[in-house]
Amino acid sequence: MLGEISLWLVEEARRRLKVEVCSVMILDKEKEELIMIASMGLPKEVIAVAHGRVGKGVAGWVAAEGMPLLIRDINEDIRFMGMRKKGRYYTDSLLSLPIKKNGEMIGVLNLNNKHDHSPFSEEDLNKAMELVAEACQKLYSAEIAKLYEVPEKLKERTSELNSIFLFSQKISASLYLSEIMNAISEATLALLDPEIIIIMLFAQKRVWLFTKGEPTKPLFVRVRSHIEEKLSVLTEKSLSSEFDWTTVKMEGQISEIPTKKGFSSSISLPLSSGDKELGLVSCLRSQPFTKDELRVFAIITNTASVAVDKAILYQKLEEELDETRRELLSSEKMATVGKITGKISHDLRNPLALISLCLYILKDKVKDAEAIVYLDRIEGSYNRMNRLCEELLDFERKIELEKKEIDLHQTLRDSLAFCEHNLTKIQKILELSPEATLILVDQRRLEQVFTNIIQNASESMGEEGMLRIETKRLKIDKQDFVRVSFSDTGTGIALEIREKIFEPFFTTHSKGIGLGLAICKEIVEKHGGKIDVESKLGLGTTFNILLPI
């Protein structure tokens, strides 16, 4: 401030008083020295050493006495006679005036060498005194303005902090992403006044675009280019075309059309929580952003990061809760269906028992070959109906296990023999490990699982194919298990339905009601085991059963 006014003073003195050389020296009270801070017309070598002691020389005398000094001819003034010979002054006449602020000495104005080489006059002295007074007034006004500037900055800072506080309150109370995005845009618009705000969430593949005025096609092109540039740095193989866009119009107008290279000024900061990169916020406008605005923007994005992370978690929990509700509703429906189907199964058992008895009697008495074929068909239908009833009863009632130590391999052979009538043209390969023979299980239930999987394989392969049954002993987390694998060369299971095959009542066959695999899964899990499936369309399917030993 003092330096600027000193420069103005020497410029005005040179212009108004028509002088060739002028300078301003400031008083250092502690050292009692005068230091030159502004000058015109002096060589650099003189400026480099230009300083003086209070009381010494012309400027020193003025600083000590506090009075202006007019010397028409320096050689005739007894106080400074001989100074001209030292080469420090380049005129025979000079003016030196004190510069005071509120009556206190702060410096000296030195003038010498008028353009017309005439000596300084009383009129020149008065003009110089007026000029110094004007400079002191400017200095006073500048200091007053500075005093008012602090409260004004404090007022701006208070308003800024209040806006940030309100933003924090609003955003922390929200659990929905749309509300948080609007809060971010409102705070950013109020504090930074951007023309465009872009908010991206990477995992959700969402973009919110806030623009002043109507978003035009060229604007979208520039924005997409900006986003592509950021995505190429921050994410892998993500394109803006893969994101869902939400566009919101803000108050105001865009001041200029974005150039081909982009926007005049932009700032971008990430939304992150710990080591998670949640997204990015970008602000664009025609005027450059300041360091203070970048600081405010960082506060906004840091606050928003916490809220966005919380909202994403809340959204995930809501989805899981909805899924749990659907599953609960489904389980309640299943319980009702189970009771109904259980009653139906009980009602069917009596007529089925009668059919079985009649078949036994007829097959013993009938000798006609054609009639026997029909009786075999009836028996096949009876077996299928009886199996369905067993499945319905198993689904309705709680499965209880009666474990005992059995020979696993013999149980597999018995199950295979039970299904032999459906496997006459199927190649059967048994690869049974000698280490995996004895196991503690419910034999009847395990046979039920094996026969169900074998029958499914038979239906998938049709009349020809290959069924491979393999056992292998495994150690998982220091516990012994046996894995039983059933691999067929059937049609395979499509990926989109693979996860559903163990759900109750899910089936892709015209025959059956889709309870077999659901019951198999329950039986295996009751034993502390697991069942999974691997399949390729057109190549076949493998069911793996893992049971603890």
Protein backbone atom coordinates (compact mmCIF):
# COMPACT_ATOMS: atom_id res chain seq x y z
CA MET A 1 0.00 0.00 0.00
CA LEU A 2 2.75 2.53 0.99
CA GLY A 3 4.84 1.44 -1.98
CA GLU A 4 1.95 2.01 -4.41
CA ILE A 5 1.27 5.50 -3.03
CA SER A 6 5.01 6.33 -3.15
CA LEU A 7 5.12 5.42 -6.85
CA TRP A 8 2.06 7.56 -7.47
CA LEU A 9 3.72 10.44 -5.60
CA VAL A 10 6.93 10.44 -7.67
CA GLU A 11 4.95 10.14 -10.92
CA GLU A 12 2.67 13.04 -10.02
CA ALA A 13 5.58 15.18 -8.75
CA ARG A 14 7.45 14.68 -12.00
CA ARG A 15 4.36 15.52 -14.03
CA ARG A 16 3.04 18.49 -12.04
CA LEU A 17 6.31 20.20 -11.12
CA LYS A 18 8.18 19.33 -14.33
CA VAL A 19 11.20 17.81 -12.56
CA GLU A 20 13.76 15.37 -13.92
CA VAL A 21 14.64 13.62 -10.68
CA CYS A 22 12.40 12.74 -7.75
CA SER A 23 12.39 10.12 -5.01
CA VAL A 24 10.58 8.99 -1.86
CA MET A 25 12.55 7.82 1.17
CA ILE A 26 10.84 6.03 4.09
CA LEU A 27 11.98 6.47 7.69
CA ASP A 28 13.16 3.43 9.68
CA LYS A 29 12.77 4.77 13.23
CA GLU A 30 14.64 1.97 14.96
CA LYS A 31 17.75 2.36 12.79
CA GLU A 32 17.21 6.12 12.26
CA GLU A 33 17.74 5.59 8.55
CA LEU A 34 16.03 6.77 5.39
CA ILE A 35 15.49 4.07 2.75
CA MET A 36 14.54 4.87 -0.85
CA ILE A 37 11.44 2.92 -1.99
CA ALA A 38 10.43 4.86 -5.14
CA SER A 39 12.31 7.06 -7.60
CA MET A 40 12.43 8.44 -11.14
CA GLY A 41 15.42 9.80 -13.05
CA LEU A 42 18.14 8.27 -10.86
CA PRO A 43 20.78 5.83 -12.17
CA LYS A 44 20.62 2.25 -10.87
CA GLU A 45 23.99 2.55 -9.12
CA VAL A 46 22.71 5.54 -7.13
CA ILE A 47 19.44 3.78 -6.23
CA ALA A 48 21.39 0.74 -5.03
CA VAL A 49 23.20 2.75 -2.34
CA ALA A 50 20.55 5.41 -1.74
CA HIS A 51 20.01 5.62 2.00
CA GLY A 52 20.79 8.22 4.61
CA ARG A 53 21.01 8.89 8.32
CA VAL A 54 18.55 11.13 10.13
CA GLY A 55 20.18 14.54 10.56
CA LYS A 56 22.72 13.99 7.78
CA GLY A 57 22.33 15.54 4.35
CA VAL A 58 19.29 17.30 2.91
CA ALA A 59 16.77 14.48 3.39
CA GLY A 60 18.26 13.67 6.81
CA TRP A 61 17.87 17.31 7.88
CA VAL A 62 14.19 17.36 6.76
CA ALA A 63 13.53 14.07 8.58
CA ALA A 64 15.12 15.42 11.76
CA GLU A 65 13.51 18.87 11.68
CA GLY A 66 10.16 17.84 10.22
CA MET A 67 10.13 20.94 8.01
CA PRO A 68 10.22 21.40 4.20
CA LEU A 69 13.44 22.69 2.67
CA LEU A 70 13.77 24.82 -0.46
CA ILE A 71 17.32 25.40 -1.72
CA ARG A 72 17.54 27.69 -4.72
CA ASP A 73 21.32 27.28 -5.03
CA ILE A 74 23.01 24.51 -3.08
CA ASN A 75 26.41 26.24 -3.37
CA GLU A 76 25.10 29.30 -1.54
CA ASP A 77 23.49 27.38 1.38
CA ILE A 78 26.02 27.19 4.16
CA ARG A 79 24.36 24.06 5.61
CA PHE A 80 24.93 21.94 2.51
CA MET A 81 27.77 23.78 0.79
CA GLY A 82 30.11 21.37 -0.94
CA MET A 83 27.59 18.52 -1.43
CA ARG A 84 27.41 19.20 -5.14
CA LYS A 85 31.06 18.39 -5.44
CA LYS A 86 30.43 14.93 -4.03
CA GLY A 87 28.28 14.09 -7.05
CA ARG A 88 25.24 13.14 -5.00
CA TYR A 89 23.04 15.90 -6.46
CA TYR A 90 22.44 16.73 -10.10
CA THR A 91 21.11 20.23 -9.81
CA ASP A 92 21.86 23.57 -8.22
CA SER A 93 18.30 23.72 -6.77
CA LEU A 94 16.20 21.21 -4.87
CA LEU A 95 13.06 20.70 -2.79
CA SER A 96 12.78 18.25 0.12
CA LEU A 97 9.51 17.84 2.02
CA PRO A 98 8.52 15.76 5.06
CA ILE A 99 5.79 13.11 4.64
CA LYS A 100 3.71 12.84 7.78
CA LYS A 101 0.83 10.59 8.79
CA ASN A 102 -1.29 11.93 11.64
CA GLY A 103 1.54 14.36 12.51
CA GLU A 104 4.13 11.57 12.68
CA MET A 105 7.15 11.58 10.36
CA ILE A 106 7.16 8.57 7.99
CA GLY A 107 9.36 9.72 5.09
CA VAL A 108 10.74 12.43 2.78
CA LEU A 109 9.95 13.54 -0.80
CA ASN A 110 13.01 14.80 -2.73
CA LEU A 111 12.72 16.87 -5.96
CA ASN A 112 15.57 18.33 -8.04
CA ASN A 113 16.56 19.43 -11.51
CA LYS A 114 13.60 21.18 -13.13
CA HIS A 115 13.30 20.69 -16.87
CA ASP A 116 14.01 24.38 -17.60
CA HIS A 117 16.92 24.38 -15.07
CA SER A 118 15.35 27.28 -13.21
CA PRO A 119 15.56 27.31 -9.40
CA PHE A 120 12.60 26.10 -7.33
CA SER A 121 10.26 28.85 -6.12
CA GLU A 122 7.83 29.33 -3.25
CA GLU A 123 5.06 28.46 -5.70
CA ASP A 124 6.81 25.14 -6.44
CA LEU A 125 7.10 24.50 -2.71
CA ASN A 126 3.35 25.09 -2.22
CA LYS A 127 2.51 22.73 -5.11
CA ALA A 128 4.79 20.09 -3.64
CA MET A 129 3.22 20.49 -0.18
CA GLU A 130 -0.26 20.10 -1.72
CA LEU A 131 0.93 16.97 -3.51
CA VAL A 132 2.34 15.47 -0.28
CA ALA A 133 -0.91 16.29 1.54
CA GLU A 134 -2.83 14.56 -1.24
CA ALA A 135 -0.60 11.49 -0.94
CA CYS A 136 -1.09 11.41 2.84
CA GLN A 137 -4.85 11.58 2.30
CA LYS A 138 -4.64 8.63 -0.09
CA LEU A 139 -2.63 6.73 2.49
CA TYR A 140 -5.19 7.50 5.18
CA SER A 141 -8.09 6.48 2.90
CA ALA A 142 -6.33 3.23 2.00
CA GLU A 143 -5.81 2.38 5.66
CA ILE A 144 -9.45 3.14 6.45
CA ALA A 145 -10.52 0.96 3.52
CA LYS A 146 -8.31 -1.81 4.82
CA LEU A 147 -9.92 -1.54 8.24
CA TYR A 148 -13.33 -1.96 6.61
CA GLU A 149 -11.98 -4.72 4.36
CA VAL A 150 -11.34 -7.05 7.31
CA PRO A 151 -14.95 -6.98 8.60
CA GLU A 152 -16.16 -7.43 5.01
CA LYS A 153 -13.97 -10.51 4.56
CA LEU A 154 -15.09 -11.72 7.96
CA LYS A 155 -18.67 -11.22 6.87
CA GLU A 156 -18.04 -13.19 3.66
CA ARG A 157 -16.30 -15.93 5.64
CA THR A 158 -19.20 -16.09 8.11
CA SER A 159 -21.69 -16.37 5.24
CA GLU A 160 -19.55 -19.09 3.65
CA LEU A 161 -19.34 -21.07 6.89
CA ASN A 162 -23.08 -20.70 7.42
CA SER A 163 -23.77 -22.06 3.93
CA ILE A 164 -21.42 -25.00 4.54
CA PHE A 165 -23.06 -25.67 7.93
CA LEU A 166 -26.55 -25.69 6.39
CA PHE A 167 -25.29 -27.95 3.60
CA SER A 168 -23.79 -30.36 6.15
CA GLN A 169 -27.05 -30.43 8.12
CA LYS A 170 -29.15 -31.05 5.04
CA ILE A 171 -26.91 -33.71 3.53
CA SER A 172 -26.36 -35.61 6.79
CA ALA A 173 -30.12 -35.91 7.30
CA SER A 174 -30.67 -37.46 3.86
CA LEU A 175 -30.48 -41.16 3.02
CA TYR A 176 -31.37 -40.93 -0.67
CA LEU A 177 -28.90 -40.24 -3.47
CA SER A 178 -31.22 -37.93 -5.41
CA GLU A 179 -31.62 -35.63 -2.38
CA ILE A 180 -27.86 -35.64 -1.76
CA MET A 181 -27.11 -34.77 -5.39
CA ASN A 182 -29.50 -31.81 -5.23
CA ALA A 183 -27.92 -30.64 -1.96
CA ILE A 184 -24.43 -30.81 -3.50
CA SER A 185 -25.55 -28.78 -6.52
CA GLU A 186 -27.29 -26.14 -4.37
CA ALA A 187 -24.26 -25.65 -2.10
CA THR A 188 -21.82 -25.61 -5.02
CA LEU A 189 -23.95 -23.13 -6.95
CA ALA A 190 -24.27 -20.82 -3.93
CA LEU A 191 -20.58 -20.86 -3.00
CA LEU A 192 -18.79 -21.24 -6.35
CA ASP A 193 -21.35 -20.12 -8.95
CA PRO A 194 -20.36 -22.66 -11.64
CA GLU A 195 -22.22 -22.87 -14.92
CA ILE A 196 -22.12 -26.67 -15.03
CA ILE A 197 -21.93 -29.27 -12.25
CA ILE A 198 -21.26 -32.94 -13.05
CA ILE A 199 -21.58 -35.63 -10.38
CA MET A 200 -20.60 -39.22 -11.22
CA LEU A 201 -21.00 -42.39 -9.16
CA PHE A 202 -18.81 -45.15 -10.56
CA ALA A 203 -20.26 -48.36 -9.09
CA GLN A 204 -23.85 -47.23 -9.68
CA LYS A 205 -22.97 -45.97 -13.20
CA ARG A 206 -24.98 -42.78 -12.63
CA VAL A 207 -24.36 -39.22 -13.84
CA TRP A 208 -26.15 -36.10 -12.60
CA LEU A 209 -25.73 -33.09 -14.90
CA PHE A 210 -26.72 -29.66 -13.51
CA THR A 211 -26.58 -26.80 -16.04
CA LYS A 212 -27.54 -23.15 -16.15
CA GLY A 213 -30.08 -22.78 -18.91
CA GLU A 214 -31.23 -25.44 -21.34
CA PRO A 215 -28.63 -28.16 -22.04
CA THR A 216 -27.91 -28.11 -25.79
CA LYS A 217 -26.53 -30.87 -27.99
CA PRO A 218 -23.08 -29.20 -28.33
CA LEU A 219 -23.01 -28.87 -24.55
CA PHE A 220 -23.71 -32.57 -24.10
CA VAL A 221 -20.87 -33.36 -26.52
CA ARG A 222 -18.43 -31.23 -24.48
CA VAL A 223 -19.66 -32.68 -21.18
CA ARG A 224 -19.35 -36.26 -22.46
CA SER A 225 -15.83 -35.47 -23.65
CA HIS A 226 -14.98 -34.12 -20.20
CA ILE A 227 -16.42 -37.22 -18.52
CA GLU A 228 -14.63 -39.62 -20.89
CA GLU A 229 -11.35 -37.89 -20.05
CA LYS A 230 -11.93 -38.32 -16.30
CA LEU A 231 -13.16 -41.92 -16.64
CA SER A 232 -10.10 -42.91 -18.66
CA VAL A 233 -7.93 -41.86 -15.72
CA LEU A 234 -10.07 -42.97 -12.77
CA THR A 235 -11.78 -46.18 -13.96
CA GLU A 236 -11.10 -49.12 -16.24
CA LYS A 237 -13.17 -49.70 -19.38
CA SER A 238 -15.99 -47.37 -18.31
CA LEU A 239 -17.72 -45.22 -20.90
CA SER A 240 -20.16 -42.38 -20.36
CA SER A 241 -22.61 -44.20 -22.66
CA GLU A 242 -22.84 -46.97 -20.03
CA PHE A 243 -24.04 -44.50 -17.39
CA ASP A 244 -27.64 -43.52 -16.60
CA TRP A 245 -28.00 -39.72 -16.93
CA THR A 246 -30.13 -37.33 -14.90
CA THR A 247 -30.22 -33.73 -16.18
CA VAL A 248 -31.35 -30.81 -14.00
CA LYS A 249 -31.68 -27.16 -15.06
CA MET A 250 -30.32 -24.55 -12.63
CA GLU A 251 -31.13 -20.84 -12.51
CA GLY A 252 -29.13 -18.58 -14.83
CA GLN A 253 -27.52 -18.89 -18.24
CA ILE A 254 -24.21 -20.24 -19.52
CA SER A 255 -22.09 -17.19 -20.33
CA GLU A 256 -20.21 -18.71 -23.25
CA ILE A 257 -20.25 -21.68 -25.60
CA PRO A 258 -17.59 -24.20 -24.56
CA THR A 259 -14.60 -24.28 -26.89
CA LYS A 260 -13.49 -27.36 -28.79
CA LYS A 261 -10.80 -27.91 -26.20
CA GLY A 262 -13.28 -27.85 -23.34
CA PHE A 263 -14.25 -25.18 -20.84
CA SER A 264 -12.39 -22.05 -19.79
CA SER A 265 -11.99 -23.29 -16.22
CA SER A 266 -12.81 -26.54 -14.43
CA ILE A 267 -12.11 -28.16 -11.07
CA SER A 268 -12.70 -31.81 -10.19
CA LEU A 269 -12.41 -33.63 -6.88
CA PRO A 270 -13.21 -37.27 -6.01
CA LEU A 271 -15.96 -38.60 -3.78
CA SER A 272 -14.19 -41.19 -1.66
CA SER A 273 -14.53 -43.05 1.61
CA GLY A 274 -11.37 -44.65 2.95
CA ASP A 275 -9.86 -46.53 0.03
CA LYS A 276 -13.18 -46.63 -1.87
CA GLU A 277 -13.47 -44.39 -4.93
CA LEU A 278 -17.19 -43.59 -4.99
CA GLY A 279 -17.31 -41.01 -7.75
CA LEU A 280 -16.30 -37.54 -8.95
CA VAL A 281 -17.66 -33.99 -8.81
CA SER A 282 -16.68 -31.47 -11.51
CA CYS A 283 -17.48 -27.76 -11.76
CA LEU A 284 -17.08 -25.80 -15.00
CA ARG A 285 -17.42 -22.11 -15.81
CA SER A 286 -15.97 -19.32 -17.97
CA GLN A 287 -14.15 -17.51 -15.11
CA PRO A 288 -11.08 -19.08 -13.43
CA PHE A 289 -11.55 -20.65 -10.01
CA THR A 290 -9.55 -19.19 -7.11
CA LYS A 291 -7.58 -21.04 -4.43
CA ASP A 292 -10.22 -20.07 -1.85
CA GLU A 293 -12.94 -21.57 -4.07
CA LEU A 294 -10.92 -24.77 -4.43
CA ARG A 295 -10.67 -24.93 -0.63
CA VAL A 296 -14.45 -24.52 -0.30
CA PHE A 297 -15.02 -27.12 -3.03
CA ALA A 298 -12.84 -29.59 -1.11
CA ILE A 299 -14.99 -29.07 2.01
CA ILE A 300 -18.15 -29.72 -0.04
CA THR A 301 -16.82 -32.92 -1.63
CA ASN A 302 -15.39 -34.25 1.65
CA THR A 303 -18.72 -33.71 3.40
CA ALA A 304 -20.62 -35.17 0.44
CA SER A 305 -18.40 -38.28 0.37
CA VAL A 306 -19.56 -39.36 3.82
CA ALA A 307 -23.22 -38.80 2.92
CA VAL A 308 -22.94 -40.60 -0.44
CA ASP A 309 -21.23 -43.61 1.16
CA LYS A 310 -23.96 -43.75 3.80
CA ALA A 311 -26.74 -43.45 1.19
CA ILE A 312 -25.23 -46.23 -0.95
CA LEU A 313 -25.06 -48.49 2.11
CA TYR A 314 -28.64 -47.57 3.06
CA GLN A 315 -29.84 -48.32 -0.48
CA LYS A 316 -28.11 -51.70 -0.35
CA LEU A 317 -29.68 -52.49 3.02
CA GLU A 318 -33.11 -51.46 1.71
CA GLU A 319 -32.71 -53.80 -1.26
CA GLU A 320 -31.64 -56.63 1.05
CA LEU A 321 -34.59 -55.90 3.35
CA ASP A 322 -36.99 -56.00 0.38
CA GLU A 323 -35.45 -59.30 -0.71
CA THR A 324 -35.83 -60.68 2.83
CA ARG A 325 -39.46 -59.57 2.89
CA ARG A 326 -40.08 -61.28 -0.44
CA GLU A 327 -38.37 -64.42 0.80
CA LEU A 328 -40.42 -64.33 4.00
CA LEU A 329 -43.63 -63.89 2.05
CA SER A 330 -42.55 -66.70 -0.26
CA SER A 331 -41.73 -68.96 2.70
CA GLU A 332 -45.15 -68.25 4.21
CA LYS A 333 -46.76 -69.15 0.91
CA MET A 334 -44.57 -72.24 0.73
CA ALA A 335 -45.68 -73.29 4.19
CA THR A 336 -49.32 -73.00 3.11
CA VAL A 337 -48.61 -74.88 -0.11
CA GLY A 338 -46.76 -77.53 1.89
CA LYS A 339 -49.75 -78.14 4.15
CA ILE A 340 -52.09 -78.40 1.17
CA THR A 341 -49.80 -80.68 -0.83
CA GLY A 342 -49.17 -82.84 2.25
CA LYS A 343 -52.90 -83.37 2.68
CA ILE A 344 -53.29 -84.17 -1.03
CA SER A 345 -50.43 -86.67 -0.82
CA HIS A 346 -52.03 -88.41 2.14
CA ASP A 347 -55.33 -88.60 0.26
CA LEU A 348 -53.59 -90.06 -2.80
CA ARG A 349 -51.74 -92.76 -0.89
CA ASN A 350 -54.86 -94.94 -0.39
CA PRO A 351 -55.90 -95.17 -4.08
CA LEU A 352 -52.23 -95.63 -5.05
CA ALA A 353 -51.92 -98.51 -2.59
CA LEU A 354 -54.98 -100.12 -4.18
CA ILE A 355 -53.52 -99.63 -7.68
CA SER A 356 -50.26 -101.26 -6.51
CA LEU A 357 -52.11 -104.26 -5.10
CA CYS A 358 -54.19 -104.69 -8.27
CA LEU A 359 -51.04 -104.47 -10.43
CA TYR A 360 -49.36 -107.16 -8.34
CA ILE A 361 -52.34 -109.50 -8.75
CA LEU A 362 -52.82 -108.80 -12.47
CA LYS A 363 -49.13 -109.24 -13.33
CA ASP A 364 -49.22 -112.59 -11.57
CA LYS A 365 -52.27 -113.81 -13.49
CA VAL A 366 -52.11 -112.14 -16.93
CA LYS A 367 -49.98 -114.00 -19.49
CA ASP A 368 -50.92 -112.08 -22.65
CA ALA A 369 -47.81 -110.25 -23.96
CA GLU A 370 -49.68 -107.17 -25.16
CA ALA A 371 -51.55 -106.88 -21.86
CA ILE A 372 -48.27 -107.15 -19.94
CA VAL A 373 -46.88 -104.13 -21.90
CA TYR A 374 -49.85 -102.05 -20.78
CA LEU A 375 -49.45 -103.26 -17.20
CA ASP A 376 -45.77 -102.18 -17.29
CA ARG A 377 -46.85 -98.72 -18.42
CA ILE A 378 -49.37 -98.56 -15.59
CA GLU A 379 -46.64 -99.63 -13.16
CA GLY A 380 -44.33 -96.87 -14.48
CA SER A 381 -47.05 -94.28 -13.96
CA TYR A 382 -47.74 -95.68 -10.48
CA ASN A 383 -44.04 -95.41 -9.57
CA ARG A 384 -43.94 -91.81 -10.80
CA MET A 385 -47.07 -90.88 -8.85
CA ASN A 386 -45.75 -92.61 -5.74
CA ARG A 387 -42.47 -90.73 -6.08
CA LEU A 388 -44.33 -87.40 -6.36
CA CYS A 389 -46.31 -88.21 -3.24
CA GLU A 390 -43.10 -89.00 -1.36
CA GLU A 391 -41.61 -85.67 -2.47
CA LEU A 392 -44.72 -83.76 -1.41
CA LEU A 393 -44.72 -85.45 1.98
CA ASP A 394 -41.00 -84.75 2.44
CA PHE A 395 -41.56 -81.09 1.56
CA GLU A 396 -44.45 -80.77 4.00
CA ARG A 397 -42.87 -82.45 7.00
CA LYS A 398 -39.62 -81.75 8.80
CA ILE A 399 -36.86 -84.07 7.64
CA GLU A 400 -35.41 -86.08 10.52
CA LEU A 401 -32.19 -88.04 10.09
CA GLU A 402 -31.47 -91.51 11.44
CA LYS A 403 -27.72 -91.77 11.01
CA LYS A 404 -25.69 -94.95 11.00
CA GLU A 405 -22.36 -95.99 9.53
CA ILE A 406 -22.81 -97.31 6.00
CA ASP A 407 -20.74 -98.36 3.02
CA LEU A 408 -21.00 -95.37 0.69
CA HIS A 409 -19.96 -97.31 -2.38
CA GLN A 410 -22.53 -100.04 -1.80
CA THR A 411 -25.23 -97.39 -1.36
CA LEU A 412 -24.22 -95.88 -4.71
CA ARG A 413 -24.39 -99.31 -6.39
CA ASP A 414 -27.83 -99.97 -4.85
CA SER A 415 -29.11 -96.58 -6.06
CA LEU A 416 -27.75 -97.25 -9.54
CA ALA A 417 -29.41 -100.69 -9.57
CA PHE A 418 -32.72 -99.16 -8.49
CA CYS A 419 -32.64 -96.87 -11.55
CA GLU A 420 -31.30 -99.54 -13.91
CA HIS A 421 -34.56 -99.86 -15.85
CA ASN A 422 -34.02 -96.26 -17.06
CA LEU A 423 -30.31 -96.74 -17.83
CA THR A 424 -30.30 -99.83 -20.07
CA LYS A 425 -28.57 -98.03 -22.98
CA ILE A 426 -26.55 -95.62 -20.84
CA GLN A 427 -22.83 -96.27 -20.34
CA LYS A 428 -22.12 -96.30 -16.60
CA ILE A 429 -18.64 -95.64 -15.21
CA LEU A 430 -17.84 -95.94 -11.50
CA GLU A 431 -14.59 -94.43 -10.22
CA LEU A 432 -14.77 -95.11 -6.49
CA SER A 433 -11.92 -94.16 -4.19
CA PRO A 434 -10.95 -96.93 -1.73
CA GLU A 435 -10.42 -94.22 0.92
CA ALA A 436 -14.04 -93.07 0.83
CA THR A 437 -16.14 -96.07 1.85
CA LEU A 438 -17.51 -95.83 5.40
CA ILE A 439 -19.59 -92.78 6.29
CA LEU A 440 -22.09 -91.81 9.02
CA VAL A 441 -25.37 -90.83 7.31
CA ASP A 442 -29.08 -91.56 7.01
CA GLN A 443 -28.91 -94.30 4.36
CA ARG A 444 -32.53 -94.04 3.19
CA ARG A 445 -32.26 -90.28 2.74
CA LEU A 446 -28.90 -90.52 0.97
CA GLU A 447 -30.31 -93.14 -1.43
CA GLN A 448 -33.16 -90.71 -2.08
CA VAL A 449 -30.61 -88.04 -3.09
CA PHE A 450 -28.58 -90.40 -5.29
CA THR A 451 -31.58 -91.89 -7.11
CA ASN A 452 -33.05 -88.44 -7.75
CA ILE A 453 -29.84 -87.19 -9.35
CA ILE A 454 -29.40 -90.42 -11.38
CA GLN A 455 -32.99 -90.23 -12.65
CA ASN A 456 -32.50 -86.56 -13.61
CA ALA A 457 -29.35 -87.53 -15.53
CA SER A 458 -31.27 -90.29 -17.30
CA GLU A 459 -34.02 -87.88 -18.36
CA SER A 460 -31.43 -85.35 -19.58
CA MET A 461 -29.52 -87.91 -21.71
CA GLY A 462 -32.49 -89.77 -23.12
CA GLU A 463 -31.82 -93.28 -24.42
CA GLU A 464 -28.04 -92.96 -24.92
CA GLY A 465 -25.17 -91.28 -23.11
CA MET A 466 -22.62 -91.77 -20.38
CA LEU A 467 -22.99 -91.45 -16.61
CA ARG A 468 -19.82 -91.19 -14.55
CA ILE A 469 -20.00 -91.57 -10.75
CA GLU A 470 -16.84 -90.68 -8.85
CA THR A 471 -15.91 -90.51 -5.16
CA LYS A 472 -12.90 -88.79 -3.65
CA ARG A 473 -11.72 -88.15 -0.11
CA LEU A 474 -10.79 -84.51 0.67
CA LYS A 475 -9.46 -82.53 3.62
CA ILE A 476 -10.88 -79.01 3.99
CA ASP A 477 -9.84 -76.80 6.92
CA LYS A 478 -8.42 -79.87 8.71
CA GLN A 479 -11.75 -81.74 8.38
CA ASP A 480 -12.27 -84.90 6.30
CA PHE A 481 -14.92 -84.92 3.57
CA VAL A 482 -15.99 -87.21 0.77
CA ARG A 483 -17.08 -85.77 -2.56
CA VAL A 484 -19.53 -87.71 -4.71
CA SER A 485 -19.77 -86.49 -8.32
CA PHE A 486 -22.43 -87.45 -10.89
CA SER A 487 -21.47 -86.40 -14.43
CA ASP A 488 -23.73 -86.95 -17.43
CA THR A 489 -23.54 -86.15 -21.14
CA GLY A 490 -27.03 -84.70 -21.32
CA THR A 491 -28.33 -81.40 -22.64
CA GLY A 492 -26.88 -79.31 -19.83
CA ILE A 493 -28.45 -76.50 -17.78
CA ALA A 494 -28.58 -72.87 -18.94
CA LEU A 495 -26.65 -70.37 -16.81
CA GLU A 496 -29.69 -68.18 -16.11
CA ILE A 497 -31.61 -71.06 -14.48
CA ARG A 498 -28.69 -72.85 -12.82
CA GLU A 499 -29.09 -70.96 -9.53
CA LYS A 500 -32.83 -71.69 -9.45
CA ILE A 501 -32.78 -75.47 -9.80
CA PHE A 502 -32.59 -76.00 -6.02
CA GLU A 503 -35.63 -73.77 -5.38
CA PRO A 504 -38.93 -75.51 -4.48
CA PHE A 505 -41.35 -76.04 -7.39
CA PHE A 506 -38.83 -74.90 -10.00
CA THR A 507 -38.71 -77.29 -12.94
CA THR A 508 -38.01 -77.24 -16.68
CA HIS A 509 -39.59 -80.64 -17.30
CA SER A 510 -43.17 -81.33 -18.26
CA LYS A 511 -43.12 -84.20 -15.74
CA GLY A 512 -42.52 -83.62 -12.04
CA ILE A 513 -43.28 -80.69 -9.78
CA GLY A 514 -39.77 -79.40 -9.08
CA LEU A 515 -39.31 -80.61 -5.51
CA GLY A 516 -36.69 -83.32 -6.05
CA LEU A 517 -33.54 -81.17 -6.05
CA ALA A 518 -34.90 -78.84 -3.36
CA ILE A 519 -35.34 -81.87 -1.07
CA CYS A 520 -31.91 -83.22 -2.09
CA LYS A 521 -30.33 -79.92 -1.07
CA GLU A 522 -32.13 -79.95 2.28
CA ILE A 523 -31.06 -83.56 3.00
CA VAL A 524 -27.40 -82.86 2.12
CA GLU A 525 -27.33 -79.69 4.23
CA LYS A 526 -28.96 -81.57 7.15
CA HIS A 527 -25.89 -83.84 7.00
CA GLY A 528 -23.61 -80.78 7.23
CA GLY A 529 -22.70 -81.01 3.57
CA LYS A 530 -23.07 -79.02 0.37
CA ILE A 531 -24.39 -79.66 -3.12
CA ASP A 532 -23.55 -77.66 -6.23
CA VAL A 533 -23.84 -78.00 -9.98
CA GLU A 534 -21.55 -77.42 -12.96
CA SER A 535 -22.98 -77.47 -16.45
CA LYS A 536 -22.36 -76.57 -20.07
CA LEU A 537 -25.19 -76.46 -22.59
CA GLY A 538 -24.94 -79.32 -25.06
CA LEU A 539 -22.11 -81.02 -23.15
CA GLY A 540 -23.60 -82.19 -19.89
CA THR A 541 -23.95 -81.59 -16.16
CA THR A 542 -22.04 -82.52 -13.01
CA PHE A 543 -23.60 -82.57 -9.53
CA ASN A 544 -21.08 -82.49 -6.68
CA ILE A 545 -22.11 -83.61 -3.19
CA LEU A 546 -19.72 -82.88 -0.32
CA LEU A 547 -20.35 -84.82 2.91
CA PRO A 548 -18.36 -84.78 6.16
CA ILE A 549 -16.83 -88.08 7.25
